Amino acid sequence: MITDREKAAFEAGIKLGALYHQFVGTPIARETAGAVETAIEQAVGLQPFVQEITVRLNREMMVSNRFGYSELAGKMFDVAIRTEVGAASCRATLRLEDDYPMMAITEIHEAPGNTDH
């Protein structure tokens, strides 16, 4: 039987993986970064089990090409997400660690006395 705790962790991981692969390559400039952050938060926030999401993009890595924009790279992401399934809650992140965009579970809780579904 799969617990709510396991489902919450799965949902956090799948959301971060989808976010990463969906938005890498998006045309971006420092002037549009805020709008892109908001769009990602709103899009991912619509999905089931997402309770909170914060997206920040590293503007220092945005170097314009000859046409005046950059492409969103995985290394630019700093994302925190919280999912909730039943009585379980999971916090996870996507951020640069040792020059690699790493995803990690940072916290996971399940209310005492939770019954598995």
N, C-alpha and C. Protein backbone atom coordinates (compact mmCIF):
# COMPACT_ATOMS: atom_id res chain seq x y z
N MET A 1 0.84 -1.18 0.00
CA MET A 1 0.00 0.00 0.00
C MET A 1 0.89 1.25 0.00
N ILE A 2 0.54 2.21 -0.79
CA ILE A 2 1.28 3.47 -0.88
C ILE A 2 0.66 4.46 0.10
N THR A 3 1.51 5.09 0.91
CA THR A 3 1.03 6.03 1.92
C THR A 3 0.88 7.44 1.34
N ASP A 4 0.14 8.28 2.07
CA ASP A 4 0.02 9.69 1.68
C ASP A 4 1.39 10.35 1.66
N ARG A 5 2.24 9.98 2.59
CA ARG A 5 3.61 10.52 2.67
C ARG A 5 4.37 10.22 1.37
N GLU A 6 4.30 8.98 0.91
CA GLU A 6 4.96 8.60 -0.34
C GLU A 6 4.36 9.32 -1.54
N LYS A 7 3.04 9.46 -1.54
CA LYS A 7 2.37 10.17 -2.64
C LYS A 7 2.77 11.65 -2.66
N ALA A 8 2.86 12.28 -1.48
CA ALA A 8 3.25 13.69 -1.41
C ALA A 8 4.67 13.88 -1.95
N ALA A 9 5.58 12.97 -1.60
CA ALA A 9 6.96 13.04 -2.10
C ALA A 9 6.99 12.83 -3.61
N PHE A 10 6.25 11.86 -4.09
CA PHE A 10 6.17 11.61 -5.53
C PHE A 10 5.66 12.85 -6.26
N GLU A 11 4.57 13.43 -5.75
CA GLU A 11 3.98 14.59 -6.41
C GLU A 11 4.96 15.77 -6.45
N ALA A 12 5.70 15.99 -5.39
CA ALA A 12 6.69 17.08 -5.38
C ALA A 12 7.76 16.81 -6.44
N GLY A 13 8.27 15.59 -6.48
CA GLY A 13 9.32 15.25 -7.44
C GLY A 13 8.85 15.34 -8.89
N ILE A 14 7.67 14.85 -9.16
CA ILE A 14 7.17 14.85 -10.53
C ILE A 14 6.89 16.27 -10.99
N LYS A 15 6.42 17.13 -10.08
CA LYS A 15 6.17 18.53 -10.44
C LYS A 15 7.47 19.24 -10.78
N LEU A 16 8.51 19.03 -9.97
CA LEU A 16 9.80 19.68 -10.23
C LEU A 16 10.42 19.17 -11.54
N GLY A 17 10.34 17.86 -11.79
CA GLY A 17 10.89 17.31 -13.02
C GLY A 17 10.16 17.84 -14.25
N ALA A 18 8.86 17.91 -14.17
CA ALA A 18 8.07 18.44 -15.30
C ALA A 18 8.38 19.92 -15.52
N LEU A 19 8.44 20.69 -14.43
CA LEU A 19 8.75 22.12 -14.53
C LEU A 19 10.10 22.31 -15.23
N TYR A 20 11.09 21.58 -14.77
CA TYR A 20 12.44 21.69 -15.34
C TYR A 20 12.41 21.44 -16.85
N HIS A 21 11.85 20.33 -17.25
CA HIS A 21 11.89 19.96 -18.67
C HIS A 21 10.92 20.76 -19.53
N GLN A 22 9.89 21.28 -18.95
CA GLN A 22 8.93 22.08 -19.71
C GLN A 22 9.48 23.45 -20.04
N PHE A 23 10.21 24.08 -19.11
CA PHE A 23 10.58 25.48 -19.28
C PHE A 23 12.02 25.72 -19.72
N VAL A 24 12.90 24.73 -19.61
CA VAL A 24 14.27 24.91 -20.10
C VAL A 24 14.21 25.21 -21.59
N GLY A 25 14.92 26.24 -22.00
CA GLY A 25 14.93 26.65 -23.40
C GLY A 25 14.01 27.82 -23.70
N THR A 26 13.19 28.20 -22.73
CA THR A 26 12.28 29.33 -22.93
C THR A 26 13.07 30.61 -23.17
N PRO A 27 12.75 31.40 -24.19
CA PRO A 27 13.41 32.68 -24.39
C PRO A 27 13.14 33.57 -23.18
N ILE A 28 14.20 34.22 -22.68
CA ILE A 28 14.07 35.03 -21.48
C ILE A 28 15.09 36.17 -21.48
N ALA A 29 14.74 37.24 -20.84
CA ALA A 29 15.65 38.37 -20.64
C ALA A 29 15.47 38.84 -19.21
N ARG A 30 16.42 39.58 -18.70
CA ARG A 30 16.30 40.08 -17.32
C ARG A 30 15.01 40.87 -17.14
N GLU A 31 14.60 41.58 -18.18
CA GLU A 31 13.39 42.40 -18.11
C GLU A 31 12.10 41.56 -18.06
N THR A 32 12.15 40.33 -18.54
CA THR A 32 10.96 39.48 -18.57
C THR A 32 11.00 38.37 -17.52
N ALA A 33 12.09 38.28 -16.77
CA ALA A 33 12.27 37.18 -15.81
C ALA A 33 11.15 37.13 -14.77
N GLY A 34 10.72 38.27 -14.27
CA GLY A 34 9.65 38.29 -13.27
C GLY A 34 8.35 37.72 -13.82
N ALA A 35 8.03 38.08 -15.04
CA ALA A 35 6.81 37.56 -15.67
C ALA A 35 6.90 36.05 -15.88
N VAL A 36 8.08 35.56 -16.24
CA VAL A 36 8.27 34.12 -16.44
C VAL A 36 8.17 33.39 -15.10
N GLU A 37 8.77 33.95 -14.04
CA GLU A 37 8.65 33.35 -12.71
C GLU A 37 7.18 33.21 -12.31
N THR A 38 6.42 34.28 -12.50
CA THR A 38 5.00 34.27 -12.16
C THR A 38 4.23 33.26 -13.00
N ALA A 39 4.52 33.21 -14.29
CA ALA A 39 3.83 32.27 -15.17
C ALA A 39 4.09 30.82 -14.76
N ILE A 40 5.33 30.51 -14.40
CA ILE A 40 5.67 29.14 -13.97
C ILE A 40 4.94 28.82 -12.67
N GLU A 41 4.98 29.75 -11.71
CA GLU A 41 4.28 29.54 -10.43
C GLU A 41 2.80 29.30 -10.65
N GLN A 42 2.19 30.10 -11.50
CA GLN A 42 0.75 29.96 -11.74
C GLN A 42 0.42 28.67 -12.47
N ALA A 43 1.24 28.29 -13.44
CA ALA A 43 0.98 27.06 -14.20
C ALA A 43 1.14 25.82 -13.32
N VAL A 44 2.25 25.73 -12.60
CA VAL A 44 2.48 24.56 -11.76
C VAL A 44 1.51 24.55 -10.58
N GLY A 45 1.17 25.73 -10.08
CA GLY A 45 0.24 25.84 -8.96
C GLY A 45 -1.16 25.34 -9.26
N LEU A 46 -1.52 25.24 -10.52
CA LEU A 46 -2.83 24.71 -10.91
C LEU A 46 -2.93 23.20 -10.74
N GLN A 47 -1.80 22.53 -10.70
CA GLN A 47 -1.79 21.08 -10.70
C GLN A 47 -2.22 20.51 -9.34
N PRO A 48 -2.77 19.29 -9.38
CA PRO A 48 -3.23 18.66 -8.14
C PRO A 48 -2.12 18.55 -7.10
N PHE A 49 -2.49 18.75 -5.84
CA PHE A 49 -1.66 18.55 -4.66
C PHE A 49 -0.63 19.66 -4.40
N VAL A 50 -0.50 20.63 -5.29
CA VAL A 50 0.44 21.73 -5.06
C VAL A 50 -0.22 22.74 -4.14
N GLN A 51 0.43 23.01 -3.02
CA GLN A 51 -0.08 23.98 -2.05
C GLN A 51 0.66 25.30 -2.14
N GLU A 52 1.96 25.25 -2.42
CA GLU A 52 2.79 26.45 -2.53
C GLU A 52 3.88 26.18 -3.56
N ILE A 53 4.26 27.23 -4.27
CA ILE A 53 5.42 27.15 -5.16
C ILE A 53 6.02 28.55 -5.30
N THR A 54 7.33 28.61 -5.22
CA THR A 54 8.06 29.86 -5.42
C THR A 54 9.15 29.59 -6.45
N VAL A 55 9.19 30.42 -7.48
CA VAL A 55 10.19 30.29 -8.54
C VAL A 55 11.01 31.56 -8.61
N ARG A 56 12.32 31.42 -8.54
CA ARG A 56 13.25 32.53 -8.75
C ARG A 56 14.26 32.09 -9.80
N LEU A 57 14.56 33.00 -10.70
CA LEU A 57 15.51 32.72 -11.79
C LEU A 57 16.74 33.60 -11.60
N ASN A 58 17.90 33.02 -11.75
CA ASN A 58 19.16 33.75 -11.58
C ASN A 58 19.39 34.66 -12.79
N ARG A 59 19.18 35.95 -12.58
CA ARG A 59 19.32 36.92 -13.66
C ARG A 59 20.77 37.14 -14.07
N GLU A 60 21.70 36.87 -13.16
CA GLU A 60 23.13 37.04 -13.50
C GLU A 60 23.56 36.07 -14.60
N MET A 61 22.88 34.96 -14.72
CA MET A 61 23.22 33.97 -15.75
C MET A 61 22.56 34.28 -17.09
N MET A 62 21.72 35.28 -17.13
CA MET A 62 21.02 35.63 -18.36
C MET A 62 21.88 36.58 -19.19
N VAL A 63 22.57 36.02 -20.15
CA VAL A 63 23.44 36.78 -21.03
C VAL A 63 22.78 36.85 -22.40
N SER A 64 22.48 38.04 -22.83
CA SER A 64 21.74 38.21 -24.08
C SER A 64 22.56 37.78 -25.29
N ASN A 65 21.88 37.11 -26.22
CA ASN A 65 22.49 36.80 -27.51
C ASN A 65 22.37 38.04 -28.41
N ARG A 66 22.74 37.92 -29.65
CA ARG A 66 22.72 39.08 -30.54
C ARG A 66 21.31 39.60 -30.82
N PHE A 67 20.30 38.81 -30.44
CA PHE A 67 18.91 39.23 -30.64
C PHE A 67 18.29 39.82 -29.37
N GLY A 68 19.07 39.89 -28.29
CA GLY A 68 18.63 40.55 -27.08
C GLY A 68 17.95 39.69 -26.03
N TYR A 69 18.09 38.38 -26.14
CA TYR A 69 17.51 37.51 -25.11
C TYR A 69 18.43 36.34 -24.83
N SER A 70 18.11 35.63 -23.78
CA SER A 70 18.85 34.44 -23.38
C SER A 70 17.88 33.26 -23.44
N GLU A 71 18.36 32.07 -23.17
CA GLU A 71 17.49 30.91 -23.06
C GLU A 71 17.55 30.41 -21.63
N LEU A 72 16.39 30.12 -21.07
CA LEU A 72 16.32 29.63 -19.70
C LEU A 72 17.06 28.30 -19.59
N ALA A 73 18.00 28.24 -18.65
CA ALA A 73 18.79 27.03 -18.42
C ALA A 73 18.44 26.46 -17.04
N GLY A 74 18.59 25.17 -16.89
CA GLY A 74 18.29 24.52 -15.62
C GLY A 74 19.06 25.10 -14.46
N LYS A 75 20.26 25.57 -14.70
CA LYS A 75 21.09 26.14 -13.65
C LYS A 75 20.53 27.46 -13.11
N MET A 76 19.60 28.07 -13.83
CA MET A 76 19.03 29.35 -13.41
C MET A 76 17.92 29.19 -12.38
N PHE A 77 17.38 27.98 -12.21
CA PHE A 77 16.24 27.76 -11.34
C PHE A 77 16.60 27.77 -9.85
N ASP A 78 15.75 28.39 -9.07
CA ASP A 78 15.74 28.26 -7.61
C ASP A 78 14.25 28.14 -7.26
N VAL A 79 13.81 26.92 -7.04
CA VAL A 79 12.39 26.63 -6.87
C VAL A 79 12.15 25.92 -5.54
N ALA A 80 11.10 26.32 -4.87
CA ALA A 80 10.65 25.62 -3.66
C ALA A 80 9.18 25.28 -3.87
N ILE A 81 8.80 24.06 -3.54
CA ILE A 81 7.43 23.61 -3.72
C ILE A 81 6.97 22.85 -2.48
N ARG A 82 5.67 22.95 -2.20
CA ARG A 82 5.08 22.15 -1.12
C ARG A 82 3.85 21.46 -1.68
N THR A 83 3.84 20.15 -1.53
CA THR A 83 2.69 19.36 -1.94
C THR A 83 2.01 18.80 -0.69
N GLU A 84 0.74 18.49 -0.86
CA GLU A 84 -0.02 17.92 0.25
C GLU A 84 -0.95 16.85 -0.29
N VAL A 85 -0.87 15.68 0.30
CA VAL A 85 -1.76 14.57 -0.06
C VAL A 85 -2.32 14.02 1.25
N GLY A 86 -3.61 14.10 1.40
CA GLY A 86 -4.23 13.66 2.65
C GLY A 86 -3.63 14.44 3.81
N ALA A 87 -3.10 13.73 4.79
CA ALA A 87 -2.50 14.36 5.97
C ALA A 87 -0.99 14.53 5.85
N ALA A 88 -0.45 14.28 4.67
CA ALA A 88 1.00 14.36 4.48
C ALA A 88 1.38 15.60 3.67
N SER A 89 2.52 16.17 4.02
CA SER A 89 3.02 17.36 3.35
C SER A 89 4.50 17.15 3.02
N CYS A 90 4.90 17.59 1.83
CA CYS A 90 6.29 17.44 1.40
C CYS A 90 6.79 18.76 0.83
N ARG A 91 7.98 19.17 1.27
CA ARG A 91 8.66 20.34 0.71
C ARG A 91 9.86 19.83 -0.07
N ALA A 92 10.04 20.41 -1.26
CA ALA A 92 11.15 20.00 -2.11
C ALA A 92 11.70 21.23 -2.82
N THR A 93 12.93 21.12 -3.30
CA THR A 93 13.57 22.24 -3.98
C THR A 93 14.24 21.78 -5.26
N LEU A 94 14.45 22.75 -6.13
CA LEU A 94 15.28 22.61 -7.33
C LEU A 94 16.20 23.81 -7.30
N ARG A 95 17.50 23.56 -7.09
CA ARG A 95 18.45 24.67 -7.07
C ARG A 95 19.84 24.18 -7.42
N LEU A 96 20.66 25.14 -7.74
CA LEU A 96 22.03 24.86 -8.17
C LEU A 96 22.88 24.40 -6.99
N GLU A 97 23.48 23.24 -7.13
CA GLU A 97 24.41 22.71 -6.14
C GLU A 97 25.62 22.18 -6.88
N ASP A 98 26.79 22.71 -6.55
CA ASP A 98 28.03 22.27 -7.21
C ASP A 98 27.90 22.31 -8.72
N ASP A 99 27.35 23.41 -9.23
CA ASP A 99 27.21 23.67 -10.66
C ASP A 99 26.26 22.69 -11.37
N TYR A 100 25.32 22.11 -10.60
CA TYR A 100 24.34 21.19 -11.19
C TYR A 100 22.97 21.48 -10.58
N PRO A 101 21.91 21.54 -11.40
CA PRO A 101 20.57 21.76 -10.86
C PRO A 101 20.05 20.50 -10.17
N MET A 102 20.03 20.53 -8.83
CA MET A 102 19.64 19.37 -8.04
C MET A 102 18.22 19.53 -7.50
N MET A 103 17.50 18.42 -7.49
CA MET A 103 16.18 18.37 -6.87
C MET A 103 16.33 17.57 -5.57
N ALA A 104 15.68 18.06 -4.52
CA ALA A 104 15.80 17.38 -3.22
C ALA A 104 14.54 17.57 -2.40
N ILE A 105 14.21 16.54 -1.63
CA ILE A 105 13.17 16.67 -0.62
C ILE A 105 13.84 17.30 0.59
N THR A 106 13.27 18.40 1.09
CA THR A 106 13.86 19.08 2.23
C THR A 106 13.11 18.84 3.53
N GLU A 107 11.86 18.42 3.42
CA GLU A 107 11.04 18.20 4.62
C GLU A 107 9.84 17.37 4.22
N ILE A 108 9.46 16.45 5.09
CA ILE A 108 8.26 15.65 4.83
C ILE A 108 7.61 15.32 6.17
N HIS A 109 6.30 15.52 6.22
CA HIS A 109 5.55 15.30 7.46
C HIS A 109 4.27 14.55 7.15
N GLU A 110 3.84 13.80 8.15
CA GLU A 110 2.55 13.15 8.08
C GLU A 110 1.91 13.27 9.45
N ALA A 111 0.68 13.71 9.48
CA ALA A 111 -0.02 13.88 10.75
C ALA A 111 -0.13 12.54 11.48
N PRO A 112 0.05 12.55 12.78
CA PRO A 112 -0.10 11.30 13.55
C PRO A 112 -1.49 10.70 13.37
N GLY A 113 -1.53 9.38 13.33
CA GLY A 113 -2.81 8.69 13.22
C GLY A 113 -3.39 8.68 11.83
N ASN A 114 -2.59 9.10 10.83
CA ASN A 114 -3.09 9.09 9.45
C ASN A 114 -3.32 7.65 9.00
N THR A 115 -4.41 7.44 8.32
CA THR A 115 -4.67 6.12 7.75
C THR A 115 -4.31 6.15 6.28
N ASP A 116 -3.64 5.13 5.83
CA ASP A 116 -3.24 5.05 4.42
C ASP A 116 -4.47 4.88 3.54
N HIS A 117 -4.36 5.42 2.34
CA HIS A 117 -5.46 5.31 1.37
C HIS A 117 -5.13 4.32 0.30
